Amino acid sequence: MNILVVNTGSTSVKLAVMSINDDRPRAIHTARYQAHDQDVEAMLQGFLSGVAPPNAVVHRVVHGGRDLIESRVIDAGTVSAIEALGSLAPLHNPVALRWIHACRRQLTAPQVAVFDTAFFSALPDVARHYAIPPERAEEFGVRRYGFHGIAHQAMWQRWCELRPDLSAGGKLISIQLGGGCSITAIRNGVPQDTSMGFSPAEGLVMATRCGDIDAGAIFHLIRNKEMTAEMVEQLINTQSGLLGLSGKSADMQDLIDSPAAGPRLAVDMYCYRLKKYISAYQAVLGGADGIVFGGGVGEHMPQVRARTLDNMQWCGIEIDAAANRRAQGDEMQISATGSRVDIRVLPVDEAAILVSEARQVLQREKGISI
C-alpha cells in the first residue's frame, strides 16, 4: 500500500510515493519542483503517471494557528481553516492549498494535513507570549507559534534512537537550515523555545527572509518611506536575508567562498545570528547534551557549521574539523573526542513523520488501517 506525501515549502515542493508494506516507510518514487508558479495539476498528473493510485495523501501544512494543533483528515472545514491562516504564512499556506485542491480533484483517496506548528503548541508561557497585553494577544491571535515542527520532530526522534542513554533525548538543540532556517531547544521531547514566532519570518537569517528585526523599522518604512504593508512584507520575506545582504544570491553555496564584501557580510551574519541562538538556548536548557544540524545547508555545508561553532569551547562545544568536512549529506558525528556536547549531522526525514501521522489519523478518524 502506498501514501502520497506532499511537502510544500516556501520555494519548492517535494513529492514522494511511500510504500508502507515494510516496517519502515520506503520511497518508491520522488520528485522535487522548484517553482510554485507552474501548473500544479500538470505537475501532479505527471508525477503520478505510471504509479499505482495512492491509498492516501498526506500534506505538510506550515501554519495551523491556535486551533489546528493535531493532524487531521482534510474536509471542507479544514480547508477553510487553512485558508483563513494564509495571511500568517503567505509563502506557505496558499501553496499548500493549491496542492490540496489539486489532489482532491485528481484523487479519491483520503487526505490528511499535518501541521508544522503542532510540535510547538505547548511552548511554555514565557516562550509562547509576546510582551503585549494578554487580552489583545488573545483577541488578535498574536503569539509565537513556531515552525519547522515536523523537521525538528524528525531530528529529535532520530537523536533518541542514537542516544538511548538519554531520557527522551535529554537536552537537545536542533537546527534546521534550508531556504527557511530555525533552531529549537528541546528538553525530554518537549520544545522549550524556538526561533520562529508569529510567522516564519522571525529568528535566524534565512535565504530571503531577514529574521529578527525591530518592529520600529517596519513602522518607519510604512510611515516615512511611503511603503505599503504589502511592500514591506515582500521586503522582509523575499528580498532580504542572504539575497538582500549579498546583492547576489540566496544560495549559500554561491556565497560561502566569495571574497566580495556583500557575500562575506551575508555569511558572517548568518553564522553570527545562529551562534547567538545556540548560546541562548544553552541558557534555556541549562546546557545541552546534543546539537544536531539538518536541512540542505545544515547537512551539506561544513563551512557554515565550522564558522558557527568556532570558539564555543567555553560551553562545551568542540568540533572535529576532519569529521565535519566529511559530513556532506550523510549522518555523522562531528564533535571532537573531548567535546561535552555531542554534535551530529542528521538528514531530516520529514516524510517518515508525515506517513506515521497519516496512518494514525486515518485509523483514529476513519477506522482505516494503511
Protein backbone atom coordinates (compact mmCIF):
# COMPACT_ATOMS: atom_id res chain seq x y z
CA MET A 1 0.00 0.00 0.00
CA ASN A 2 1.21 3.49 -0.83
CA ILE A 3 0.87 7.01 0.57
CA LEU A 4 1.50 10.14 -1.48
CA VAL A 5 3.48 12.70 0.54
CA VAL A 6 3.16 16.36 -0.50
CA ASN A 7 5.72 18.51 1.30
CA THR A 8 5.36 22.16 0.28
CA GLY A 9 7.96 24.70 1.33
CA SER A 10 8.41 28.40 0.62
CA THR A 11 10.40 27.84 -2.58
CA SER A 12 9.77 24.23 -3.63
CA VAL A 13 7.58 21.18 -3.25
CA LYS A 14 8.82 17.64 -2.60
CA LEU A 15 6.61 14.76 -3.71
CA ALA A 16 7.07 11.14 -2.70
CA VAL A 17 5.14 7.92 -3.06
CA MET A 18 5.96 5.93 0.07
CA SER A 19 5.49 2.17 0.28
CA ILE A 20 4.32 1.11 3.74
CA ASN A 21 4.39 -2.63 3.24
CA ASP A 22 7.55 -2.84 5.33
CA ASP A 23 8.12 -1.82 8.93
CA ARG A 24 9.74 1.44 7.81
CA PRO A 25 8.19 3.54 5.02
CA ARG A 26 10.22 3.35 1.81
CA ALA A 27 10.22 5.91 -1.01
CA ILE A 28 9.49 4.29 -4.37
CA HIS A 29 9.05 7.45 -6.44
CA THR A 30 10.20 11.00 -5.63
CA ALA A 31 10.48 14.40 -7.29
CA ARG A 32 11.25 17.99 -6.32
CA TYR A 33 9.86 21.01 -8.12
CA GLN A 34 11.39 24.43 -7.53
CA ALA A 35 8.76 26.85 -8.82
CA HIS A 36 5.25 27.26 -7.42
CA ASP A 37 4.05 29.32 -10.39
CA GLN A 38 3.83 26.24 -12.61
CA ASP A 39 0.67 24.26 -13.30
CA VAL A 40 0.20 22.26 -10.09
CA GLU A 41 -2.37 19.95 -11.68
CA ALA A 42 0.01 19.12 -14.52
CA MET A 43 2.92 18.52 -12.14
CA LEU A 44 0.81 16.17 -10.02
CA GLN A 45 -0.53 14.30 -13.03
CA GLY A 46 2.95 13.90 -14.48
CA PHE A 47 4.39 12.73 -11.18
CA LEU A 48 1.70 10.07 -10.70
CA SER A 49 1.76 8.77 -14.26
CA GLY A 50 2.84 5.14 -14.25
CA VAL A 51 2.36 4.84 -10.48
CA ALA A 52 -0.49 2.94 -8.85
CA PRO A 53 -3.06 5.35 -7.34
CA PRO A 54 -2.11 6.06 -3.70
CA ASN A 55 -4.24 4.73 -0.86
CA ALA A 56 -3.93 8.05 1.00
CA VAL A 57 -2.38 11.50 0.67
CA VAL A 58 -0.64 13.45 3.41
CA HIS A 59 0.20 17.16 3.21
CA ARG A 60 2.64 19.24 5.20
CA VAL A 61 0.84 22.47 6.14
CA VAL A 62 3.04 25.13 7.69
CA HIS A 63 0.57 27.12 9.79
CA GLY A 64 -2.16 25.57 11.92
CA GLY A 65 -2.80 28.60 14.12
CA ARG A 66 -4.32 28.25 17.59
CA ASP A 67 -6.83 25.55 16.71
CA LEU A 68 -5.20 23.16 14.24
CA ILE A 69 -2.81 21.60 16.74
CA GLU A 70 -3.32 17.97 15.74
CA SER A 71 -3.05 16.21 12.41
CA ARG A 72 -6.46 15.60 10.86
CA VAL A 73 -8.39 14.33 7.86
CA ILE A 74 -8.89 17.13 5.35
CA ASP A 75 -12.52 18.16 4.91
CA ALA A 76 -14.23 21.40 3.92
CA GLY A 77 -13.80 22.81 7.43
CA THR A 78 -10.07 22.05 7.44
CA VAL A 79 -9.63 23.70 4.05
CA SER A 80 -11.44 26.85 5.27
CA ALA A 81 -9.31 26.98 8.43
CA ILE A 82 -6.06 26.65 6.47
CA GLU A 83 -7.22 29.33 4.05
CA ALA A 84 -8.05 31.71 6.91
CA LEU A 85 -4.45 31.41 8.15
CA GLY A 86 -2.96 32.34 4.78
CA SER A 87 -2.03 35.87 5.83
CA LEU A 88 0.08 34.47 8.70
CA ALA A 89 2.14 32.26 6.36
CA PRO A 90 1.76 33.90 2.93
CA LEU A 91 4.65 31.97 1.40
CA HIS A 92 3.35 28.61 2.56
CA ASN A 93 -0.35 28.05 3.32
CA PRO A 94 -1.69 29.29 -0.03
CA VAL A 95 0.73 26.95 -1.82
CA ALA A 96 -0.30 24.00 0.35
CA LEU A 97 -3.94 24.73 -0.50
CA ARG A 98 -3.20 24.64 -4.22
CA TRP A 99 -1.81 21.14 -3.83
CA ILE A 100 -4.68 20.05 -1.58
CA HIS A 101 -7.21 21.21 -4.17
CA ALA A 102 -5.29 19.51 -6.99
CA CYS A 103 -5.13 16.23 -5.09
CA ARG A 104 -8.83 16.39 -4.22
CA ARG A 105 -9.70 16.91 -7.89
CA GLN A 106 -7.48 14.13 -9.22
CA LEU A 107 -7.63 11.50 -6.47
CA THR A 108 -10.34 9.81 -4.44
CA ALA A 109 -8.02 8.71 -1.63
CA PRO A 110 -8.48 10.27 1.84
CA GLN A 111 -6.18 13.19 2.63
CA VAL A 112 -4.52 14.18 5.88
CA ALA A 113 -3.00 17.51 6.94
CA VAL A 114 -0.01 17.59 9.29
CA PHE A 115 0.83 21.00 10.76
CA ASP A 116 4.34 22.35 11.28
CA THR A 117 3.14 24.44 14.21
CA ALA A 118 1.68 21.48 16.13
CA PHE A 119 5.04 20.42 17.62
CA PHE A 120 5.21 23.81 19.37
CA SER A 121 1.61 24.06 20.56
CA ALA A 122 2.63 23.54 24.19
CA LEU A 123 5.53 26.01 24.36
CA PRO A 124 6.00 27.36 27.91
CA ASP A 125 4.20 30.65 28.52
CA VAL A 126 7.46 32.60 28.72
CA ALA A 127 8.41 31.42 25.23
CA ARG A 128 4.92 31.48 23.69
CA HIS A 129 3.84 35.04 24.52
CA TYR A 130 4.95 38.44 23.34
CA ALA A 131 5.03 41.23 25.92
CA ILE A 132 1.77 42.84 24.83
CA PRO A 133 -1.49 42.98 26.81
CA PRO A 134 -2.80 39.38 27.06
CA GLU A 135 -6.35 40.35 26.14
CA ARG A 136 -5.09 41.93 22.90
CA ALA A 137 -2.90 38.94 22.14
CA GLU A 138 -5.88 36.62 22.60
CA GLU A 139 -8.22 38.81 20.56
CA PHE A 140 -5.88 39.00 17.58
CA GLY A 141 -4.21 35.61 17.88
CA VAL A 142 -0.78 37.17 18.35
CA ARG A 143 1.58 34.64 19.90
CA ARG A 144 4.69 32.70 18.99
CA TYR A 145 3.57 29.63 17.04
CA GLY A 146 6.89 28.17 15.90
CA PHE A 147 7.50 26.46 12.56
CA HIS A 148 9.53 23.63 11.01
CA GLY A 149 8.00 21.44 13.70
CA ILE A 150 7.97 18.32 11.52
CA ALA A 151 11.68 18.71 10.77
CA HIS A 152 12.59 19.31 14.42
CA GLN A 153 10.46 16.35 15.49
CA ALA A 154 12.22 14.15 12.91
CA MET A 155 15.66 15.21 14.17
CA TRP A 156 14.64 14.67 17.80
CA GLN A 157 13.28 11.18 17.06
CA ARG A 158 16.45 10.13 15.25
CA TRP A 159 18.56 11.62 18.06
CA CYS A 160 16.63 9.50 20.57
CA GLU A 161 17.43 6.39 18.51
CA LEU A 162 21.12 7.29 18.50
CA ARG A 163 21.25 8.22 22.20
CA PRO A 164 19.01 5.77 24.09
CA ASP A 165 21.07 6.51 27.21
CA LEU A 166 19.37 9.92 27.45
CA SER A 167 15.81 10.01 28.78
CA ALA A 168 13.61 11.13 25.85
CA GLY A 169 16.68 12.68 24.23
CA GLY A 170 17.75 14.78 27.21
CA LYS A 171 18.61 18.37 26.35
CA LEU A 172 18.84 18.87 22.59
CA ILE A 173 19.34 21.87 20.31
CA SER A 174 18.05 21.07 16.82
CA ILE A 175 18.91 23.29 13.85
CA GLN A 176 17.08 23.29 10.51
CA LEU A 177 18.93 25.26 7.83
CA GLY A 178 17.37 25.41 4.37
CA GLY A 179 15.56 28.15 2.47
CA GLY A 180 13.96 28.89 5.82
CA CYS A 181 16.03 28.49 8.97
CA SER A 182 15.10 27.76 12.58
CA ILE A 183 16.55 26.46 15.82
CA THR A 184 14.74 24.78 18.71
CA ALA A 185 15.58 23.99 22.33
CA ILE A 186 14.06 20.62 23.37
CA ARG A 187 14.04 19.11 26.86
CA ASN A 188 12.95 15.46 27.13
CA GLY A 189 10.98 15.68 23.91
CA VAL A 190 9.16 18.92 24.78
CA PRO A 191 10.14 22.14 22.93
CA GLN A 192 11.10 24.91 25.35
CA ASP A 193 11.74 27.65 22.79
CA THR A 194 12.15 28.10 19.05
CA SER A 195 13.40 30.92 16.86
CA MET A 196 10.43 31.34 14.51
CA GLY A 197 7.48 33.05 16.15
CA PHE A 198 4.20 34.60 15.00
CA SER A 199 5.30 33.95 11.42
CA PRO A 200 8.17 32.07 9.75
CA ALA A 201 9.93 35.43 9.28
CA GLU A 202 11.25 35.70 12.87
CA GLY A 203 14.60 34.43 14.07
CA LEU A 204 17.66 33.44 12.06
CA VAL A 205 18.95 34.99 8.86
CA MET A 206 17.46 32.92 6.02
CA ALA A 207 17.75 32.65 2.25
CA THR A 208 15.39 35.57 1.50
CA ARG A 209 13.95 36.38 4.94
CA CYS A 210 15.61 38.83 7.30
CA GLY A 211 14.80 37.10 10.58
CA ASP A 212 14.79 39.25 13.72
CA ILE A 213 14.08 42.93 13.01
CA ASP A 214 12.93 45.81 15.21
CA ALA A 215 9.22 46.45 14.64
CA GLY A 216 10.03 50.16 14.70
CA ALA A 217 11.88 49.76 11.41
CA ILE A 218 8.70 48.43 9.80
CA PHE A 219 6.65 51.37 11.15
CA HIS A 220 9.32 53.72 9.79
CA LEU A 221 9.12 52.23 6.30
CA ILE A 222 5.34 52.50 6.21
CA ARG A 223 5.04 55.97 7.74
CA ASN A 224 8.03 57.77 6.31
CA LYS A 225 9.04 55.94 3.14
CA GLU A 226 5.57 55.51 1.66
CA MET A 227 5.81 51.74 1.55
CA THR A 228 2.59 49.75 1.82
CA ALA A 229 2.24 46.84 4.22
CA GLU A 230 2.39 44.50 1.22
CA MET A 231 5.64 46.09 0.03
CA VAL A 232 7.23 45.69 3.47
CA GLU A 233 6.03 42.10 3.63
CA GLN A 234 7.71 41.40 0.31
CA LEU A 235 10.89 43.14 1.52
CA ILE A 236 11.31 41.07 4.68
CA ASN A 237 10.16 37.75 3.18
CA THR A 238 11.50 37.64 -0.36
CA GLN A 239 14.14 40.37 -0.79
CA SER A 240 16.19 40.11 2.40
CA GLY A 241 18.35 37.51 4.14
CA LEU A 242 21.27 36.11 2.16
CA LEU A 243 19.86 37.52 -1.06
CA GLY A 244 19.42 41.04 0.23
CA LEU A 245 22.68 41.22 2.15
CA SER A 246 24.83 39.78 -0.63
CA GLY A 247 23.11 41.51 -3.51
CA LYS A 248 23.96 38.36 -5.42
CA SER A 249 22.25 35.14 -4.40
CA ALA A 250 20.07 33.37 -1.84
CA ASP A 251 22.15 30.19 -2.24
CA MET A 252 24.75 29.67 0.47
CA GLN A 253 26.88 27.62 -1.93
CA ASP A 254 27.24 30.68 -4.16
CA LEU A 255 28.31 32.90 -1.26
CA ILE A 256 30.43 30.86 1.12
CA ASP A 257 33.83 31.42 -0.52
CA SER A 258 33.20 34.75 -2.22
CA PRO A 259 35.76 37.47 -1.45
CA ALA A 260 33.25 40.25 -2.17
CA ALA A 261 32.03 42.39 0.74
CA GLY A 262 28.30 41.69 0.31
CA PRO A 263 28.53 37.90 0.30
CA ARG A 264 31.04 37.96 3.18
CA LEU A 265 28.67 40.03 5.30
CA ALA A 266 25.75 37.73 4.42
CA VAL A 267 27.60 34.59 5.52
CA ASP A 268 29.06 36.27 8.61
CA MET A 269 25.63 37.50 9.76
CA TYR A 270 24.06 34.10 9.05
CA CYS A 271 26.58 32.29 11.25
CA TYR A 272 26.69 35.04 13.89
CA ARG A 273 22.92 35.01 14.41
CA LEU A 274 22.97 31.22 14.64
CA LYS A 275 25.79 31.29 17.20
CA LYS A 276 23.79 33.77 19.33
CA TYR A 277 20.75 31.49 19.36
CA ILE A 278 22.81 28.41 20.22
CA SER A 279 24.30 30.27 23.17
CA ALA A 280 20.88 31.49 24.30
CA TYR A 281 19.38 28.01 24.13
CA GLN A 282 22.24 26.64 26.20
CA ALA A 283 20.98 29.03 28.86
CA VAL A 284 17.34 28.00 28.32
CA LEU A 285 18.18 24.30 28.74
CA GLY A 286 20.90 24.67 31.37
CA GLY A 287 23.45 23.23 28.97
CA ALA A 288 22.95 20.81 26.11
CA ASP A 289 23.57 17.11 25.63
CA GLY A 290 23.48 17.46 21.87
CA ILE A 291 23.32 19.76 18.87
CA VAL A 292 22.03 18.41 15.56
CA PHE A 293 22.11 20.02 12.12
CA GLY A 294 19.57 19.26 9.38
CA GLY A 295 18.24 20.79 6.18
CA GLY A 296 20.00 21.49 2.89
CA VAL A 297 22.57 23.91 4.35
CA GLY A 298 22.80 22.17 7.72
CA GLU A 299 23.53 18.80 6.14
CA HIS A 300 25.75 19.83 3.22
CA MET A 301 27.72 22.92 4.24
CA PRO A 302 30.59 22.10 6.65
CA GLN A 303 31.89 25.67 6.34
CA VAL A 304 28.71 27.04 7.90
CA ARG A 305 28.83 24.55 10.79
CA ALA A 306 32.51 25.29 11.40
CA ARG A 307 32.09 29.07 11.41
CA THR A 308 29.05 28.86 13.66
CA LEU A 309 30.63 26.60 16.27
CA ASP A 310 34.07 28.22 16.26
CA ASN A 311 35.33 29.41 19.67
CA MET A 312 32.47 27.83 21.63
CA GLN A 313 34.64 25.65 23.85
CA TRP A 314 33.50 27.81 26.77
CA CYS A 315 30.16 25.98 26.71
CA GLY A 316 31.50 22.52 25.95
CA ILE A 317 31.21 22.66 22.15
CA GLU A 318 34.24 21.36 20.25
CA ILE A 319 34.05 20.29 16.63
CA ASP A 320 36.18 17.65 14.87
CA ALA A 321 37.33 19.55 11.78
CA ALA A 322 38.05 16.45 9.69
CA ALA A 323 34.75 14.76 10.53
CA ASN A 324 32.89 17.99 9.85
CA ARG A 325 34.47 18.29 6.38
CA ARG A 326 33.43 14.71 5.55
CA ALA A 327 29.82 15.24 6.65
CA GLN A 328 28.10 16.43 3.48
CA GLY A 329 24.64 14.92 3.36
CA ASP A 330 25.35 11.83 5.43
CA GLU A 331 24.54 11.12 9.06
CA MET A 332 27.72 11.68 11.06
CA GLN A 333 29.01 12.67 14.47
CA ILE A 334 31.18 15.77 14.08
CA SER A 335 32.03 16.62 17.69
CA ALA A 336 35.62 16.25 18.89
CA THR A 337 36.51 13.49 21.33
CA GLY A 338 36.73 15.90 24.26
CA SER A 339 33.53 17.81 23.48
CA ARG A 340 30.98 17.81 26.30
CA VAL A 341 28.25 18.32 23.71
CA ASP A 342 27.52 15.58 21.16
CA ILE A 343 27.29 17.30 17.75
CA ARG A 344 25.81 15.49 14.74
CA VAL A 345 24.60 15.97 11.21
CA LEU A 346 21.23 14.25 10.77
CA PRO A 347 19.48 14.13 7.39
CA VAL A 348 15.91 15.18 8.07
CA ASP A 349 13.30 12.52 7.24
CA GLU A 350 10.11 14.57 7.25
CA ALA A 351 8.37 12.01 5.02
CA ALA A 352 8.57 9.34 7.73
CA ILE A 353 6.90 11.66 10.25
CA LEU A 354 4.20 12.62 7.74
CA VAL A 355 3.44 8.99 6.89
CA SER A 356 3.30 7.98 10.55
CA GLU A 357 0.92 10.84 11.35
CA ALA A 358 -1.31 9.99 8.38
CA ARG A 359 -1.61 6.35 9.39
CA GLN A 360 -2.54 7.25 12.97
CA VAL A 361 -5.13 9.82 11.88
CA LEU A 362 -6.79 7.53 9.34
CA GLN A 363 -7.02 4.74 11.89
CA ARG A 364 -8.39 7.09 14.57
CA GLU A 365 -10.82 9.14 12.48
CA LYS A 366 -11.80 6.77 9.68
CA GLY A 367 -11.05 3.31 11.03
CA ILE A 368 -8.77 2.81 8.01
CA SER A 369 -5.62 0.72 8.52
CA ILE A 370 -2.92 1.56 6.00
